[in-house]
Amino acid sequence: MRITIILTLYLIVRIGYYEMRRDMNYQEALDYVLKFADYERLPRSGIVWDLKRMERLLARLNNPQNYARSVHVAGTKGKGSTSVMIASILTRAGYKVGLYTSPHLLSYTERIRVNGRRIPEEDWARLVEIIQPHVEAENALGDLGQLTTFEIFTAMAFVHFAMEKVDYQVLEVGLGGRLDATNVIKPEVCVITSISFDHMDVLGNTLVKIAGEKCGIIKPEADVVSAPQFPDALKVIEWACRVKGDRLIKVGKNVTWKRCGFCEEGQSFKVKGLKGEYRLRTKLLGEHQLENAANAVAAAELLQERGAKISSWDITDGIWKAKWHGRLEVLRKSPWVVVDGAHNAYSMLQLGRALREYFEYHRLKLILGFGADKDIAGMAAEAARMTKDIILVASQHPRAVKAEDLQQEFLKHGVEARIAKSVKDAMKLALKEARPTDMICAAGSIFVIAEVMQARRRKRKTTKVPDTVTKTPETATK
């Protein structure tokens, strides 16, 4: 009896010791990081914006942000696509390239990639274990406020890129630029993509103020690429470059593009760069993607001047191989099912143009859901010009606006939009009503399109019968 009790106590101690010492799994690691202030999911009112705590955290980690050569990309629209294209070009040139983007579509691991491959879940968990004691130590000080979820994600990316010994890191700004967690690097090239109204609760309600925040990434001794801008925004960018003593390359002036042909499968175009002319193709649809490609070509040419061995073929192949899901992406044909991350009035306008230009269809059905921090009135006005057949939803995201509230906004434009309980229900309704020649497009929030893609992925896994595909035209006409 006594031996049994001793053995039982021994096993309890051993099991408890093992539980304390075992490694985190991915879900445990993710839960740990998500418990901090997360401005992507929660109200931003209680967050202290201060880069100093980020700098102190990175100092504890031996400043991994300085281990690789850097390209920094800010802007309102197109910064993700531009970042992906730059990283793809560098990868095709034979470099090991880290890419950090946000938000994600289906998994947090999408945010941290090396040579196009997202970080494995076990590596993600290991990064959290490495960074956790340093996070706790920094937060214990409390003098600069608490680290946020995005700051921790960003530090994880820097640590991962340093451990992987990447040659280049391409970083997409999360929000703004000046106080963004990524703004702790010394970039060789800064890219400012198209600036329009977004995140006005944080960045300001004028283009001048918003551009000022974006230009916070511009550092001395860097080269700067700017996409075509509204005049007020361009003046701010020009001023920032003069102050920092940086060269400014203007896409649309110094670097130009011309579309040659397109269909629903992709498009061909020419870019006249600083060093030559390139005949390019991309799987990404929309004329705005040609602008993003021109941004990437300009950045690549500037990196060439700084010693990067990038050939014309690297640029051509890099643009063609670049993948960026959820941006005017076709999920199905007959009827068309397309998703796009249009989340402000300007991008909703561009979406309407792209749908008319790149696809042939009879009727358009829109599935829309918006975030509370977006220009809802502006997006509703543009969407109402596209069609009267609109289904409103609220994604599962905490900051999603209730569909009932959105309905009132559409009534102002004479649109009696319908309401679905979920994104999944909206898709079922739209598919039930749609004819083979119709178009269903989900937009307004990246979280809405993520749920559409998740539902689509589950359906493919549970059915053995492929979608019926009708013959489609080789090219679309205006």
Protein backbone atom coordinates (compact mmCIF):
# COMPACT_ATOMS: atom_id res chain seq x y z
CA MET A 1 0.00 0.00 0.00
CA ARG A 2 2.76 2.40 0.98
CA ILE A 3 4.68 1.59 -2.20
CA THR A 4 1.55 2.27 -4.27
CA ILE A 5 1.06 5.69 -2.67
CA ILE A 6 4.70 6.64 -3.21
CA LEU A 7 4.54 5.49 -6.83
CA THR A 8 1.35 7.46 -7.39
CA LEU A 9 2.87 10.63 -5.92
CA TYR A 10 5.97 10.10 -8.04
CA LEU A 11 3.89 9.83 -11.21
CA ILE A 12 1.89 12.94 -10.29
CA VAL A 13 5.09 14.93 -9.81
CA ARG A 14 6.60 13.59 -13.03
CA ILE A 15 3.46 14.35 -15.07
CA GLY A 16 3.22 17.82 -13.57
CA TYR A 17 6.86 18.46 -14.35
CA TYR A 18 6.34 17.34 -17.94
CA GLU A 19 3.30 19.59 -18.33
CA MET A 20 5.31 22.56 -17.11
CA ARG A 21 8.26 21.82 -19.38
CA ARG A 22 6.51 20.73 -22.58
CA ASP A 23 6.70 23.03 -25.61
CA MET A 24 3.81 25.24 -26.67
CA ASN A 25 1.76 24.06 -29.60
CA TYR A 26 0.60 26.46 -32.30
CA GLN A 27 -2.81 27.18 -30.81
CA GLU A 28 -1.37 27.86 -27.35
CA ALA A 29 1.22 30.19 -28.87
CA LEU A 30 -1.45 32.01 -30.88
CA ASP A 31 -3.73 32.35 -27.84
CA TYR A 32 -0.85 33.89 -25.89
CA VAL A 33 -0.16 36.58 -28.50
CA LEU A 34 -3.84 37.35 -29.10
CA LYS A 35 -4.45 38.11 -25.43
CA PHE A 36 -2.67 41.45 -25.80
CA ALA A 37 -4.22 44.66 -27.18
CA ASP A 38 -5.09 43.90 -30.79
CA TYR A 39 -6.05 46.98 -32.82
CA GLU A 40 -7.00 44.77 -35.78
CA ARG A 41 -9.83 43.24 -33.75
CA LEU A 42 -10.65 45.61 -30.89
CA PRO A 43 -11.28 49.38 -30.46
CA ARG A 44 -8.09 51.44 -30.65
CA SER A 45 -9.00 53.99 -27.99
CA GLY A 46 -6.94 52.40 -25.21
CA ILE A 47 -3.75 51.81 -27.16
CA VAL A 48 -0.67 53.93 -26.49
CA TRP A 49 1.13 54.58 -29.79
CA ASP A 50 4.87 54.62 -29.04
CA LEU A 51 7.66 53.01 -31.08
CA LYS A 52 10.07 53.14 -28.12
CA ARG A 53 8.65 50.01 -26.49
CA MET A 54 9.02 48.17 -29.81
CA GLU A 55 12.62 49.34 -30.06
CA ARG A 56 13.32 48.19 -26.49
CA LEU A 57 11.80 44.77 -27.15
CA LEU A 58 13.95 44.35 -30.25
CA ALA A 59 17.04 45.47 -28.32
CA ARG A 60 16.37 42.62 -25.85
CA LEU A 61 16.33 40.29 -28.87
CA ASN A 62 19.65 41.65 -30.21
CA ASN A 63 18.00 43.86 -32.86
CA PRO A 64 17.06 41.21 -35.44
CA GLN A 65 15.46 43.89 -37.66
CA ASN A 66 18.96 44.99 -38.71
CA TYR A 67 20.19 41.60 -39.95
CA ALA A 68 18.84 41.84 -43.51
CA ARG A 69 18.57 44.49 -46.23
CA SER A 70 15.10 45.99 -46.18
CA VAL A 71 12.33 47.25 -48.45
CA HIS A 72 9.47 49.07 -46.71
CA VAL A 73 6.02 49.46 -48.31
CA ALA A 74 3.27 51.80 -47.08
CA GLY A 75 0.07 53.12 -48.65
CA THR A 76 -3.69 52.73 -48.58
CA LYS A 77 -4.26 50.39 -51.52
CA GLY A 78 -1.92 47.97 -53.24
CA LYS A 79 0.80 47.73 -50.62
CA GLY A 80 0.28 43.99 -50.13
CA SER A 81 0.33 43.23 -53.86
CA THR A 82 3.37 45.47 -54.37
CA SER A 83 5.21 43.79 -51.48
CA VAL A 84 4.47 40.32 -52.85
CA MET A 85 5.74 41.29 -56.32
CA ILE A 86 8.98 42.79 -54.96
CA ALA A 87 9.61 39.70 -52.83
CA SER A 88 8.88 37.44 -55.81
CA ILE A 89 11.36 39.33 -58.02
CA LEU A 90 14.09 39.05 -55.38
CA THR A 91 13.35 35.36 -54.88
CA ARG A 92 13.61 34.71 -58.63
CA ALA A 93 16.96 36.51 -58.55
CA GLY A 94 18.25 33.82 -56.18
CA TYR A 95 18.02 35.67 -52.89
CA LYS A 96 16.51 34.35 -49.69
CA VAL A 97 13.63 36.73 -49.00
CA GLY A 98 11.46 37.32 -45.96
CA LEU A 99 7.99 38.78 -46.52
CA TYR A 100 5.84 40.23 -43.74
CA THR A 101 2.25 41.23 -44.56
CA SER A 102 -1.04 41.82 -42.75
CA PRO A 103 -3.81 41.00 -42.23
CA HIS A 104 -4.14 37.35 -43.20
CA LEU A 105 -6.96 35.55 -44.96
CA LEU A 106 -7.13 32.04 -43.53
CA SER A 107 -4.20 31.59 -41.15
CA TYR A 108 -1.94 33.84 -39.08
CA THR A 109 1.03 31.95 -40.51
CA GLU A 110 0.38 33.67 -43.87
CA ARG A 111 1.86 36.85 -42.41
CA ILE A 112 5.43 35.56 -42.19
CA ARG A 113 6.91 33.96 -45.31
CA VAL A 114 10.35 33.04 -46.60
CA ASN A 115 10.71 32.61 -50.37
CA GLY A 116 6.94 32.48 -50.70
CA ARG A 117 6.45 29.70 -48.13
CA ARG A 118 4.56 30.60 -45.00
CA ILE A 119 6.08 29.84 -41.63
CA PRO A 120 5.29 26.32 -40.31
CA GLU A 121 3.06 26.21 -37.23
CA GLU A 122 5.78 24.55 -35.14
CA ASP A 123 8.21 27.37 -35.99
CA TRP A 124 5.52 29.91 -35.08
CA ALA A 125 5.12 28.29 -31.66
CA ARG A 126 8.89 28.19 -31.16
CA LEU A 127 9.14 31.91 -31.94
CA VAL A 128 6.56 32.70 -29.28
CA GLU A 129 8.53 30.68 -26.74
CA ILE A 130 11.68 32.62 -27.64
CA ILE A 131 10.02 36.01 -27.44
CA GLN A 132 7.70 35.44 -24.46
CA PRO A 133 10.16 36.19 -21.61
CA HIS A 134 11.27 39.39 -23.35
CA VAL A 135 7.65 40.48 -23.83
CA GLU A 136 6.91 39.84 -20.17
CA ALA A 137 10.01 41.75 -19.09
CA GLU A 138 9.15 44.76 -21.25
CA ASN A 139 5.52 44.84 -20.16
CA ALA A 140 6.58 44.58 -16.51
CA LEU A 141 8.23 48.01 -16.84
CA GLY A 142 4.94 49.56 -17.91
CA ASP A 143 6.36 53.04 -18.45
CA LEU A 144 5.63 53.03 -22.20
CA GLY A 145 2.38 51.13 -22.16
CA GLN A 146 1.89 47.46 -23.01
CA LEU A 147 3.07 45.76 -26.17
CA THR A 148 0.31 45.07 -28.69
CA THR A 149 -0.44 41.88 -30.60
CA PHE A 150 0.77 43.43 -33.86
CA GLU A 151 4.04 44.55 -32.28
CA ILE A 152 4.66 41.01 -31.07
CA PHE A 153 3.83 39.57 -34.50
CA THR A 154 6.28 42.04 -36.05
CA ALA A 155 9.05 41.14 -33.62
CA MET A 156 8.42 37.46 -34.38
CA ALA A 157 8.86 38.17 -38.08
CA PHE A 158 12.18 39.93 -37.50
CA VAL A 159 13.45 37.08 -35.31
CA HIS A 160 12.36 34.47 -37.86
CA PHE A 161 14.02 36.31 -40.74
CA ALA A 162 17.23 36.64 -38.74
CA MET A 163 17.19 32.95 -37.79
CA GLU A 164 16.55 32.00 -41.42
CA LYS A 165 19.40 34.31 -42.49
CA VAL A 166 17.41 36.00 -45.23
CA ASP A 167 19.19 38.36 -47.60
CA TYR A 168 16.25 40.76 -47.94
CA GLN A 169 13.13 41.45 -45.94
CA VAL A 170 10.12 43.09 -47.56
CA LEU A 171 7.82 44.63 -44.97
CA GLU A 172 4.27 45.83 -45.49
CA VAL A 173 3.18 48.52 -43.06
CA GLY A 174 0.27 47.47 -40.86
CA LEU A 175 -1.35 50.87 -40.33
CA GLY A 176 -0.09 54.32 -41.27
CA GLY A 177 3.67 54.28 -41.20
CA ARG A 178 5.16 56.79 -38.78
CA LEU A 179 4.20 54.88 -35.61
CA ASP A 180 3.74 51.45 -37.16
CA ALA A 181 5.64 48.59 -35.50
CA THR A 182 7.51 47.89 -38.76
CA ASN A 183 9.00 51.40 -38.75
CA VAL A 184 12.15 50.37 -36.87
CA ILE A 185 14.22 49.41 -39.92
CA LYS A 186 16.69 51.26 -42.12
CA PRO A 187 15.25 50.59 -45.58
CA GLU A 188 17.18 50.82 -48.81
CA VAL A 189 13.97 51.44 -50.75
CA CYS A 190 10.66 52.87 -49.51
CA VAL A 191 7.51 52.46 -51.58
CA ILE A 192 4.38 54.59 -51.10
CA THR A 193 1.46 53.00 -52.94
CA SER A 194 -1.81 54.77 -53.76
CA ILE A 195 -3.06 56.91 -50.85
CA SER A 196 -6.77 57.43 -50.22
CA PHE A 197 -9.10 57.70 -47.23
CA ASP A 198 -8.88 54.85 -44.71
CA HIS A 199 -8.36 54.42 -40.94
CA MET A 200 -9.31 58.07 -40.51
CA ASP A 201 -9.90 57.55 -36.78
CA VAL A 202 -6.13 57.11 -36.38
CA LEU A 203 -4.48 58.73 -39.42
CA GLY A 204 -6.60 61.88 -39.84
CA ASN A 205 -9.46 63.01 -42.04
CA THR A 206 -7.51 64.72 -44.85
CA LEU A 207 -5.18 63.33 -47.50
CA VAL A 208 -2.44 65.63 -46.23
CA LYS A 209 -2.61 64.14 -42.73
CA ILE A 210 -2.88 60.56 -44.00
CA ALA A 211 0.04 61.06 -46.40
CA GLY A 212 2.09 62.56 -43.57
CA GLU A 213 1.64 59.37 -41.55
CA LYS A 214 2.51 57.16 -44.53
CA CYS A 215 5.65 59.21 -45.24
CA GLY A 216 6.90 58.45 -41.75
CA ILE A 217 8.66 55.41 -43.23
CA ILE A 218 10.91 57.59 -45.40
CA LYS A 219 14.45 57.57 -43.96
CA PRO A 220 17.68 59.35 -44.97
CA GLU A 221 19.84 57.55 -47.54
CA ALA A 222 16.90 55.62 -48.96
CA ASP A 223 15.37 55.74 -52.43
CA VAL A 224 11.62 56.37 -52.61
CA VAL A 225 9.06 55.08 -55.11
CA SER A 226 5.64 56.71 -55.24
CA ALA A 227 2.59 55.41 -57.08
CA PRO A 228 0.40 57.99 -58.84
CA GLN A 229 -1.16 60.15 -56.13
CA PHE A 230 -3.78 62.82 -55.63
CA PRO A 231 -2.04 66.25 -55.75
CA ASP A 232 -2.28 66.91 -51.98
CA ALA A 233 -0.74 63.55 -51.12
CA LEU A 234 2.03 63.91 -53.73
CA LYS A 235 3.07 67.29 -52.31
CA VAL A 236 3.58 65.70 -48.89
CA ILE A 237 5.67 62.89 -50.38
CA GLU A 238 7.81 65.35 -52.35
CA TRP A 239 8.34 67.45 -49.23
CA ALA A 240 9.34 64.40 -47.14
CA CYS A 241 11.90 63.35 -49.76
CA ARG A 242 13.40 66.85 -49.87
CA VAL A 243 13.71 66.94 -46.07
CA LYS A 244 15.39 63.52 -45.93
CA GLY A 245 17.54 64.16 -49.01
CA ASP A 246 16.13 61.13 -50.84
CA ARG A 247 15.59 60.56 -54.53
CA LEU A 248 11.93 60.22 -55.52
CA ILE A 249 10.86 58.02 -58.44
CA LYS A 250 7.30 58.73 -59.59
CA VAL A 251 5.40 55.85 -61.12
CA GLY A 252 3.27 57.24 -63.93
CA LYS A 253 6.01 59.73 -64.82
CA ASN A 254 9.52 58.26 -64.40
CA VAL A 255 8.23 54.70 -64.70
CA THR A 256 5.17 54.05 -66.89
CA TRP A 257 3.02 51.10 -67.93
CA LYS A 258 0.70 50.19 -70.77
CA ARG A 259 -1.75 47.31 -70.85
CA CYS A 260 -1.53 45.09 -73.94
CA GLY A 261 -4.25 42.48 -73.40
CA PHE A 262 -6.35 40.81 -70.72
CA CYS A 263 -8.93 38.15 -69.92
CA GLU A 264 -10.28 36.61 -66.74
CA GLU A 265 -7.12 34.47 -66.45
CA GLY A 266 -4.63 37.35 -66.34
CA GLN A 267 -3.20 40.27 -68.28
CA SER A 268 -0.17 41.28 -70.33
CA PHE A 269 1.44 44.71 -70.27
CA LYS A 270 4.61 46.73 -70.79
CA VAL A 271 6.52 48.68 -68.20
CA LYS A 272 9.03 51.32 -69.23
CA GLY A 273 11.39 51.54 -66.30
CA LEU A 274 14.47 53.53 -65.38
CA LYS A 275 16.78 51.05 -67.10
CA GLY A 276 14.73 49.48 -69.85
CA GLU A 277 11.39 48.22 -71.08
CA TYR A 278 9.82 44.98 -69.87
CA ARG A 279 7.09 42.83 -71.44
CA LEU A 280 5.24 41.38 -68.48
CA ARG A 281 2.33 39.15 -67.55
CA THR A 282 0.48 38.80 -64.26
CA LYS A 283 -2.21 36.49 -62.95
CA LEU A 284 -3.54 39.36 -60.83
CA LEU A 285 -6.53 41.13 -62.36
CA GLY A 286 -7.42 44.81 -62.43
CA GLU A 287 -5.59 47.75 -63.94
CA HIS A 288 -4.55 48.80 -60.45
CA GLN A 289 -2.35 45.66 -60.38
CA LEU A 290 -0.42 47.03 -63.35
CA GLU A 291 0.29 50.11 -61.27
CA ASN A 292 1.43 47.87 -58.41
CA ALA A 293 3.67 45.95 -60.83
CA ALA A 294 5.21 49.22 -62.01
CA ASN A 295 5.89 50.08 -58.35
CA ALA A 296 7.66 46.73 -57.96
CA VAL A 297 9.72 47.18 -61.13
CA ALA A 298 10.85 50.62 -59.98
CA ALA A 299 11.84 49.21 -56.58
CA ALA A 300 13.74 46.34 -58.22
CA GLU A 301 15.68 48.73 -60.46
CA LEU A 302 16.63 50.86 -57.47
CA LEU A 303 17.84 47.74 -55.65
CA GLN A 304 19.90 46.93 -58.77
CA GLU A 305 21.63 50.28 -58.39
CA ARG A 306 22.41 49.33 -54.80
CA GLY A 307 24.15 46.12 -55.83
CA ALA A 308 21.34 43.58 -56.11
CA LYS A 309 21.93 41.16 -59.00
CA ILE A 310 18.49 41.28 -60.60
CA SER A 311 18.13 40.50 -64.31
CA SER A 312 15.33 41.46 -66.67
CA TRP A 313 14.21 37.83 -66.61
CA ASP A 314 14.04 37.92 -62.80
CA ILE A 315 11.66 40.87 -63.06
CA THR A 316 9.57 39.20 -65.77
CA ASP A 317 9.35 35.84 -64.02
CA GLY A 318 8.92 37.41 -60.58
CA ILE A 319 5.87 39.40 -61.65
CA TRP A 320 4.33 36.34 -63.32
CA LYS A 321 4.95 34.04 -60.31
CA ALA A 322 3.58 36.53 -57.74
CA LYS A 323 0.47 35.20 -55.97
CA TRP A 324 -1.82 37.28 -53.78
CA HIS A 325 -5.13 35.67 -52.86
CA GLY A 326 -8.39 37.49 -52.28
CA ARG A 327 -7.72 40.32 -54.70
CA LEU A 328 -10.15 40.15 -57.62
CA GLU A 329 -9.77 36.38 -57.38
CA VAL A 330 -12.00 34.00 -59.30
CA LEU A 331 -13.28 31.14 -57.11
CA ARG A 332 -15.79 29.71 -59.55
CA LYS A 333 -17.21 30.06 -63.04
CA SER A 334 -20.82 29.61 -64.23
CA PRO A 335 -21.89 31.56 -62.30
CA TRP A 336 -18.84 33.67 -61.64
CA VAL A 337 -17.84 33.87 -57.97
CA VAL A 338 -15.22 36.57 -57.37
CA VAL A 339 -13.81 37.98 -54.14
CA ASP A 340 -11.96 41.25 -53.69
CA GLY A 341 -10.53 43.09 -50.69
CA ALA A 342 -12.07 46.46 -51.64
CA HIS A 343 -12.49 48.23 -48.30
CA ASN A 344 -12.80 51.95 -49.05
CA ALA A 345 -14.74 54.11 -51.51
CA TYR A 346 -11.91 54.43 -54.04
CA SER A 347 -11.25 50.68 -54.14
CA MET A 348 -14.99 49.97 -54.46
CA LEU A 349 -15.04 52.29 -57.48
CA GLN A 350 -12.07 50.42 -58.99
CA LEU A 351 -13.77 47.10 -58.29
CA GLY A 352 -16.85 48.13 -60.25
CA ARG A 353 -14.73 49.16 -63.22
CA ALA A 354 -12.70 45.95 -63.11
CA LEU A 355 -15.76 43.69 -63.00
CA ARG A 356 -17.26 45.40 -66.05
CA GLU A 357 -13.99 45.38 -67.92
CA TYR A 358 -12.56 41.93 -67.21
CA PHE A 359 -15.69 39.77 -67.14
CA GLU A 360 -18.78 39.14 -69.21
CA TYR A 361 -21.91 38.51 -67.15
CA HIS A 362 -25.63 39.20 -67.15
CA ARG A 363 -26.55 40.25 -63.61
CA LEU A 364 -24.34 41.27 -60.69
CA LYS A 365 -24.98 40.23 -57.11
CA LEU A 366 -22.88 41.83 -54.38
CA ILE A 367 -22.23 40.31 -50.94
CA LEU A 368 -20.97 43.12 -48.74
CA GLY A 369 -19.83 43.53 -45.16
CA PHE A 370 -17.88 46.45 -43.69
CA GLY A 371 -15.65 47.18 -40.71
CA ALA A 372 -16.62 49.90 -38.25
CA ASP A 373 -13.50 51.97 -38.99
CA LYS A 374 -14.19 52.21 -42.72
CA ASP A 375 -15.83 54.85 -44.95
CA ILE A 376 -19.18 53.09 -44.97
CA ALA A 377 -21.07 55.95 -46.62
CA GLY A 378 -18.54 56.21 -49.45
CA MET A 379 -18.46 52.46 -50.09
CA ALA A 380 -22.25 52.22 -50.02
CA ALA A 381 -22.54 55.02 -52.58
CA GLU A 382 -20.12 53.30 -54.97
CA ALA A 383 -21.67 49.85 -54.49
CA ALA A 384 -25.17 51.23 -55.14
CA ARG A 385 -23.96 52.42 -58.57
CA MET A 386 -22.82 48.90 -59.42
CA THR A 387 -26.09 47.01 -58.76
CA LYS A 388 -29.32 47.04 -56.79
CA ASP A 389 -28.99 43.34 -55.94
CA ILE A 390 -27.03 43.49 -52.68
CA ILE A 391 -26.88 41.07 -49.75
CA LEU A 392 -25.49 42.51 -46.53
CA VAL A 393 -23.64 40.49 -43.90
CA ALA A 394 -21.53 40.93 -40.79
CA SER A 395 -18.37 38.84 -40.69
CA GLN A 396 -17.31 37.10 -37.48
CA HIS A 397 -14.75 39.84 -36.89
CA PRO A 398 -15.39 41.82 -33.65
CA ARG A 399 -15.40 45.17 -35.46
CA ALA A 400 -17.82 44.12 -38.17
CA VAL A 401 -20.82 46.46 -38.58
CA LYS A 402 -24.24 44.85 -38.13
CA ALA A 403 -26.00 44.20 -41.42
CA GLU A 404 -29.11 45.98 -40.11
CA ASP A 405 -27.10 49.17 -39.64
CA LEU A 406 -25.65 48.91 -43.13
CA GLN A 407 -29.12 48.45 -44.58
CA GLN A 408 -30.09 51.98 -43.55
CA GLU A 409 -27.10 53.42 -45.40
CA PHE A 410 -28.10 51.69 -48.64
CA LEU A 411 -31.69 52.91 -48.35
CA LYS A 412 -30.30 56.43 -48.77
CA HIS A 413 -29.31 55.40 -52.31
CA GLY A 414 -32.61 53.73 -53.13
CA VAL A 415 -31.27 50.21 -52.64
CA GLU A 416 -33.35 47.77 -50.59
CA ALA A 417 -30.47 45.51 -49.66
CA ARG A 418 -31.26 42.15 -48.15
CA ILE A 419 -29.72 40.74 -44.96
CA ALA A 420 -28.18 37.32 -44.42
CA LYS A 421 -27.40 35.88 -40.98
CA SER A 422 -23.92 34.86 -42.04
CA VAL A 423 -21.52 34.98 -44.95
CA LYS A 424 -22.19 31.29 -45.56
CA ASP A 425 -25.95 31.93 -45.75
CA ALA A 426 -25.39 34.86 -48.12
CA MET A 427 -23.39 32.63 -50.48
CA LYS A 428 -26.06 29.92 -50.39
CA LEU A 429 -28.76 32.47 -51.23
CA ALA A 430 -26.74 34.08 -54.02
CA LEU A 431 -25.85 30.74 -55.61
CA LYS A 432 -29.46 29.55 -55.38
CA GLU A 433 -30.70 32.62 -57.25
CA ALA A 434 -27.87 33.08 -59.74
CA ARG A 435 -28.04 31.94 -63.33
CA PRO A 436 -24.96 30.43 -65.02
CA THR A 437 -24.31 33.76 -66.77
CA ASP A 438 -24.44 35.88 -63.59
CA MET A 439 -21.69 37.31 -61.36
CA ILE A 440 -21.49 37.00 -57.56
CA CYS A 441 -18.87 39.25 -55.95
CA ALA A 442 -18.01 39.41 -52.24
CA ALA A 443 -16.19 42.54 -51.04
CA GLY A 444 -16.10 45.33 -48.47
CA SER A 445 -13.99 43.57 -45.85
CA ILE A 446 -11.09 41.15 -46.11
CA PHE A 447 -12.75 39.17 -43.32
CA VAL A 448 -15.89 38.68 -45.41
CA ILE A 449 -13.92 37.33 -48.34
CA ALA A 450 -11.90 35.11 -45.99
CA GLU A 451 -15.15 33.48 -44.83
CA VAL A 452 -16.26 33.02 -48.44
CA MET A 453 -12.95 31.33 -49.24
CA GLN A 454 -13.18 29.13 -46.14
CA ALA A 455 -16.69 28.00 -47.13
CA ARG A 456 -15.50 27.34 -50.66
CA ARG A 457 -12.54 25.31 -49.41
CA ARG A 458 -14.79 23.17 -47.16
CA LYS A 459 -17.14 22.49 -50.06
CA ARG A 460 -14.30 21.28 -52.26
CA LYS A 461 -13.15 18.91 -49.52
CA THR A 462 -16.61 17.39 -49.02
CA THR A 463 -17.64 16.89 -52.65
CA LYS A 464 -16.19 14.69 -55.37
CA VAL A 465 -18.03 16.47 -58.15
CA PRO A 466 -16.18 19.50 -59.62
CA ASP A 467 -17.95 22.76 -60.40
CA THR A 468 -19.59 22.91 -63.79
CA VAL A 469 -17.52 25.19 -65.99
CA THR A 470 -18.99 26.67 -69.11
CA LYS A 471 -16.94 27.95 -72.02
CA THR A 472 -15.73 31.47 -71.34
CA PRO A 473 -14.50 34.12 -73.75
CA GLU A 474 -10.77 34.37 -74.31
CA THR A 475 -10.87 38.11 -73.86
CA ALA A 476 -13.23 40.57 -72.25
CA THR A 477 -14.39 43.77 -73.86
CA LYS A 478 -15.35 47.10 -72.40
